C-alpha atoms as a PDB file:
ATOM      1  CA  MET A   1      11.614 -12.185   6.029  1.00  0.00           C
ATOM      2  CA  SER A   2       9.619  -9.025   5.582  1.00  0.00           C
ATOM      3  CA  ALA A   3       8.947  -6.519   2.846  1.00  0.00           C
ATOM      4  CA  LEU A   4      10.796  -3.290   2.233  1.00  0.00           C
ATOM      5  CA  GLY A   5       8.822  -0.452   0.757  1.00  0.00           C
ATOM      6  CA  VAL A   6       6.647   2.603   1.053  1.00  0.00           C
ATOM      7  CA  VAL A   7       3.049   2.231   2.197  1.00  0.00           C
ATOM      8  CA  MET A   8       0.155   4.486   3.078  1.00  0.00           C
ATOM      9  CA  PRO A   9      -1.872   3.750   6.216  1.00  0.00           C
ATOM     10  CA  VAL A  10      -5.589   3.622   5.380  1.00  0.00           C
ATOM     11  CA  HIS A  11      -8.556   4.539   7.569  1.00  0.00           C
ATOM     12  CA  PHE A  12     -12.223   3.846   6.981  1.00  0.00           C
ATOM     13  CA  PRO A  13     -14.130   7.066   7.802  1.00  0.00           C
ATOM     14  CA  GLY A  14     -16.995   6.401  10.172  1.00  0.00           C
ATOM     15  CA  SER A  15     -16.101   2.731  10.477  1.00  0.00           C
ATOM     16  CA  VAL A  16     -13.947   0.348  12.452  1.00  0.00           C
ATOM     17  CA  ARG A  17     -10.361   0.334  11.236  1.00  0.00           C
ATOM     18  CA  ILE A  18      -8.971  -3.060  10.348  1.00  0.00           C
ATOM     19  CA  GLU A  19      -5.560  -3.483  12.016  1.00  0.00           C
ATOM     20  CA  ARG A  20      -2.519  -2.501   9.956  1.00  0.00           C
ATOM     21  CA  VAL A  21      -4.493  -1.754   6.816  1.00  0.00           C
ATOM     22  CA  HIS A  22      -2.348  -0.092   4.193  1.00  0.00           C
ATOM     23  CA  CYS A  23      -1.978   0.494   0.483  1.00  0.00           C
ATOM     24  CA  THR A  24       1.484  -0.304  -0.873  1.00  0.00           C
ATOM     25  CA  LEU A  25       2.889   2.532  -2.950  1.00  0.00           C
ATOM     26  CA  ILE A  26       6.358   1.124  -3.734  1.00  0.00           C
ATOM     27  CA  TYR A  27       7.509  -2.461  -3.160  1.00  0.00           C
ATOM     28  CA  LEU A  28      11.302  -2.736  -3.073  1.00  0.00           C
ATOM     29  CA  GLY A  29      11.717  -6.434  -2.306  1.00  0.00           C
ATOM     30  CA  GLU A  30      12.168  -8.758   0.631  1.00  0.00           C
ATOM     31  CA  GLU A  31      14.557  -8.070   3.472  1.00  0.00           C
ATOM     32  CA  GLY A  32      17.581 -10.326   3.160  1.00  0.00           C
ATOM     33  CA  LYS A  33      17.062 -10.852  -0.572  1.00  0.00           C
ATOM     34  CA  VAL A  34      17.767  -7.298  -1.718  1.00  0.00           C
ATOM     35  CA  HIS A  35      19.996  -4.586  -0.351  1.00  0.00           C
ATOM     36  CA  VAL A  36      18.223  -1.249  -0.427  1.00  0.00           C
ATOM     37  CA  PRO A  37      19.751   1.694   1.457  1.00  0.00           C
ATOM     38  CA  LYS A  38      17.170   3.160   3.822  1.00  0.00           C
ATOM     39  CA  ARG A  39      18.294   6.814   3.815  1.00  0.00           C
ATOM     40  CA  PRO A  40      17.466   7.591   0.162  1.00  0.00           C
ATOM     41  CA  VAL A  41      14.033   6.004   0.581  1.00  0.00           C
ATOM     42  CA  GLU A  42      13.408   8.068   3.729  1.00  0.00           C
ATOM     43  CA  ALA A  43      14.511  11.218   1.873  1.00  0.00           C
ATOM     44  CA  ALA A  44      12.235  10.507  -1.114  1.00  0.00           C
ATOM     45  CA  VAL A  45       9.255   9.930   1.194  1.00  0.00           C
ATOM     46  CA  ALA A  46      10.044  13.149   3.090  1.00  0.00           C
ATOM     47  CA  ARG A  47      10.184  15.140  -0.179  1.00  0.00           C
ATOM     48  CA  LEU A  48       6.801  13.786  -1.278  1.00  0.00           C
ATOM     49  CA  ASN A  49       5.268  14.372   2.148  1.00  0.00           C
ATOM     50  CA  SER A  50       6.452  17.998   2.103  1.00  0.00           C
ATOM     51  CA  GLN A  51       4.213  18.527  -0.941  1.00  0.00           C
ATOM     52  CA  ILE A  52       1.075  16.511  -0.139  1.00  0.00           C
ATOM     53  CA  ASP A  53      -1.469  15.761   2.534  1.00  0.00           C
ATOM     54  CA  GLY A  54      -3.405  12.564   2.933  1.00  0.00           C
ATOM     55  CA  ALA A  55      -6.554  12.324   0.856  1.00  0.00           C
ATOM     56  CA  ASN A  56      -9.923  10.666   0.498  1.00  0.00           C
ATOM     57  CA  VAL A  57      -9.720   8.093  -2.281  1.00  0.00           C
ATOM     58  CA  ARG A  58     -12.716   6.448  -3.949  1.00  0.00           C
ATOM     59  CA  VAL A  59     -13.163   2.697  -3.527  1.00  0.00           C
ATOM     60  CA  LYS A  60     -13.762   1.187  -6.981  1.00  0.00           C
ATOM     61  CA  GLY A  61     -14.722  -2.327  -5.974  1.00  0.00           C
ATOM     62  CA  VAL A  62     -13.887  -5.656  -4.363  1.00  0.00           C
ATOM     63  CA  GLU A  63     -11.631  -8.321  -5.876  1.00  0.00           C
ATOM     64  CA  VAL A  64      -9.740 -11.454  -4.915  1.00  0.00           C
ATOM     65  CA  PHE A  65      -5.938 -11.247  -5.266  1.00  0.00           C
ATOM     66  CA  GLY A  66      -3.023 -13.436  -4.224  1.00  0.00           C
ATOM     67  CA  ASN A  67      -4.064 -16.582  -6.099  1.00  0.00           C
ATOM     68  CA  GLY A  68      -7.433 -16.488  -4.353  1.00  0.00           C
ATOM     69  CA  HIS A  69      -6.097 -15.921  -0.835  1.00  0.00           C
ATOM     70  CA  CYS A  70      -6.783 -12.202  -0.289  1.00  0.00           C
ATOM     71  CA  THR A  71      -9.923 -10.091  -0.487  1.00  0.00           C
ATOM     72  CA  VAL A  72      -9.067  -6.527  -1.444  1.00  0.00           C
ATOM     73  CA  LEU A  73     -10.752  -3.201  -2.010  1.00  0.00           C
ATOM     74  CA  THR A  74      -9.501  -1.653  -5.252  1.00  0.00           C
ATOM     75  CA  LEU A  75      -8.963   2.106  -5.251  1.00  0.00           C
ATOM     76  CA  GLU A  76      -9.248   4.928  -7.767  1.00  0.00           C
ATOM     77  CA  SER A  77      -5.683   5.298  -8.973  1.00  0.00           C
ATOM     78  CA  TRP A  78      -5.036   8.725 -10.518  1.00  0.00           C
ATOM     79  CA  LEU A  79      -3.834  10.455  -7.329  1.00  0.00           C
ATOM     80  CA  LEU A  80      -1.926   7.433  -6.005  1.00  0.00           C
ATOM     81  CA  ASP A  81      -0.345   6.952  -9.454  1.00  0.00           C
ATOM     82  CA  SER A  82       1.093  10.471  -9.249  1.00  0.00           C
ATOM     83  CA  TRP A  83       2.480   9.840  -5.751  1.00  0.00           C
ATOM     84  CA  ARG A  84       4.023   6.578  -6.927  1.00  0.00           C
ATOM     85  CA  ARG A  85       5.628   8.239  -9.978  1.00  0.00           C
ATOM     86  CA  PHE A  86       7.126  10.935  -7.741  1.00  0.00           C
ATOM     87  CA  ILE A  87       8.696   8.377  -5.373  1.00  0.00           C
ATOM     88  CA  ASP A  88       9.853   6.215  -8.270  1.00  0.00           C
ATOM     89  CA  VAL A  89      11.628   9.145  -9.979  1.00  0.00           C
ATOM     90  CA  GLU A  90      13.251  10.179  -6.694  1.00  0.00           C
ATOM     91  CA  LEU A  91      14.503   6.647  -5.992  1.00  0.00           C
ATOM     92  CA  ARG A  92      15.818   6.110  -9.528  1.00  0.00           C
ATOM     93  CA  ARG A  93      18.128   9.103  -8.993  1.00  0.00           C
ATOM     94  CA  ASP A  94      19.820   6.966  -6.349  1.00  0.00           C
ATOM     95  CA  GLY A  95      19.762   3.816  -8.498  1.00  0.00           C
ATOM     96  CA  ILE A  96      16.884   2.229  -6.566  1.00  0.00           C
ATOM     97  CA  HIS A  97      14.175   0.478  -8.585  1.00  0.00           C
ATOM     98  CA  SER A  98      10.791  -0.921  -7.592  1.00  0.00           C
ATOM     99  CA  ALA A  99      10.804  -4.710  -7.374  1.00  0.00           C
ATOM    100  CA  SER A 100       7.137  -5.030  -8.241  1.00  0.00           C
ATOM    101  CA  GLU A 101       6.445  -7.715 -10.834  1.00  0.00           C
ATOM    102  CA  TRP A 102       3.026  -6.365 -11.745  1.00  0.00           C
ATOM    103  CA  ALA A 103       1.502  -3.100 -12.834  1.00  0.00           C
ATOM    104  CA  PHE A 104       0.445  -0.850  -9.960  1.00  0.00           C
ATOM    105  CA  LYS A 105      -3.170  -1.504  -9.003  1.00  0.00           C
ATOM    106  CA  PRO A 106      -3.853   0.383  -5.765  1.00  0.00           C
ATOM    107  CA  HIS A 107      -5.682  -1.806  -3.292  1.00  0.00           C
ATOM    108  CA  ILE A 108      -6.194  -2.538   0.384  1.00  0.00           C
ATOM    109  CA  THR A 109      -6.068  -6.116   1.610  1.00  0.00           C
ATOM    110  CA  ILE A 110      -8.982  -6.444   4.020  1.00  0.00           C
ATOM    111  CA  ASN A 111      -8.900 -10.213   4.586  1.00  0.00           C
ATOM    112  CA  LYS A 112      -6.481 -13.102   4.087  1.00  0.00           C
ATOM    113  CA  HIS A 113      -8.186 -16.480   3.782  1.00  0.00           C
ATOM    114  CA  ASP A 114      -8.164 -19.969   2.314  1.00  0.00           C
ATOM    115  CA  GLU A 115      -8.377 -20.082  -1.472  1.00  0.00           C
ATOM    116  CA  SER A 116     -11.634 -18.725  -2.866  1.00  0.00           C
ATOM    117  CA  LYS A 117     -12.870 -17.412  -6.211  1.00  0.00           C
ATOM    118  CA  TRP A 118     -15.144 -15.002  -4.349  1.00  0.00           C
ATOM    119  CA  PRO A 119     -14.389 -12.224  -1.857  1.00  0.00           C
ATOM    120  CA  ILE A 120     -14.557 -13.218   1.805  1.00  0.00           C
ATOM    121  CA  PHE A 121     -15.183 -10.267   4.091  1.00  0.00           C
ATOM    122  CA  PRO A 122     -13.464  -9.852   7.468  1.00  0.00           C
ATOM    123  CA  TRP A 123     -16.759  -9.922   9.365  1.00  0.00           C
ATOM    124  CA  VAL A 124     -20.472 -10.107   8.663  1.00  0.00           C
ATOM    125  CA  PRO A 125     -21.966  -7.729   7.795  1.00  0.00           C
ATOM    126  CA  PHE A 126     -19.060  -5.825   6.217  1.00  0.00           C
ATOM    127  CA  THR A 127     -20.087  -2.611   4.500  1.00  0.00           C
ATOM    128  CA  ILE A 128     -17.923  -1.651   1.551  1.00  0.00           C
ATOM    129  CA  PRO A 129     -17.035   2.025   1.968  1.00  0.00           C
ATOM    130  CA  THR A 130     -17.390   4.423  -0.952  1.00  0.00           C
ATOM    131  CA  GLN A 131     -14.099   6.077  -0.009  1.00  0.00           C
ATOM    132  CA  VAL A 132     -11.202   5.680   2.386  1.00  0.00           C
ATOM    133  CA  TRP A 133      -8.715   8.101   3.914  1.00  0.00           C
ATOM    134  CA  VAL A 134      -5.190   7.406   2.687  1.00  0.00           C
ATOM    135  CA  ASP A 135      -2.512   8.921   4.939  1.00  0.00           C
ATOM    136  CA  ASN A 136       0.805  10.262   3.743  1.00  0.00           C
ATOM    137  CA  PRO A 137       3.324   7.569   2.769  1.00  0.00           C
ATOM    138  CA  VAL A 138       5.574   5.993   5.401  1.00  0.00           C
ATOM    139  CA  LEU A 139       8.279   3.343   5.373  1.00  0.00           C
ATOM    140  CA  TRP A 140       7.590  -0.339   5.868  1.00  0.00           C
ATOM    141  CA  TRP A 141      11.054  -1.529   6.620  1.00  0.00           C
ATOM    142  CA  GLY A 142      11.486  -5.270   6.954  1.00  0.00           C
ATOM    143  CA  SER A 143      11.930  -6.896  10.328  1.00  0.00           C
ATOM    144  CA  GLU A 144      11.264  -3.608  12.043  1.00  0.00           C
ATOM    145  CA  GLY A 145       7.800  -5.014  11.402  1.00  0.00           C
ATOM    146  CA  LYS A 146       5.549  -2.001  11.671  1.00  0.00           C
ATOM    147  CA  LEU A 147       4.504   1.163   9.988  1.00  0.00           C
ATOM    148  CA  GLN A 148       7.061   3.802  10.841  1.00  0.00           C
END
């Protein structure tokens, strides 16, 4: 099964891009476990994208998420919070609610690994960027298995 949601592709200016790096804006649940109509989500994303352009976002730091299995870069949240609120309001009009169990903490998973209390970088030496380019939101739609 795969996730349903809205993500933003992320690029590291002046650096190698890690494959399929993204920041999740809205998590709607797992394909097969929830029924979420795609059209209203597409429409909400299109309305947001008609009003914004991608942006440089400051990297706040490095943390370990996922019960110690993921190293992430945490991001400054004020701009991404506003994008998330916009999408959330749009989706609620159609009765669609975010399935996220936790408060929104914008981040980019840069490495998945065995359990660790400390960050494990994807390669040595890995330079932590001061900012990243966050593209406009796109759908991540289950078994279709790719950014769309």
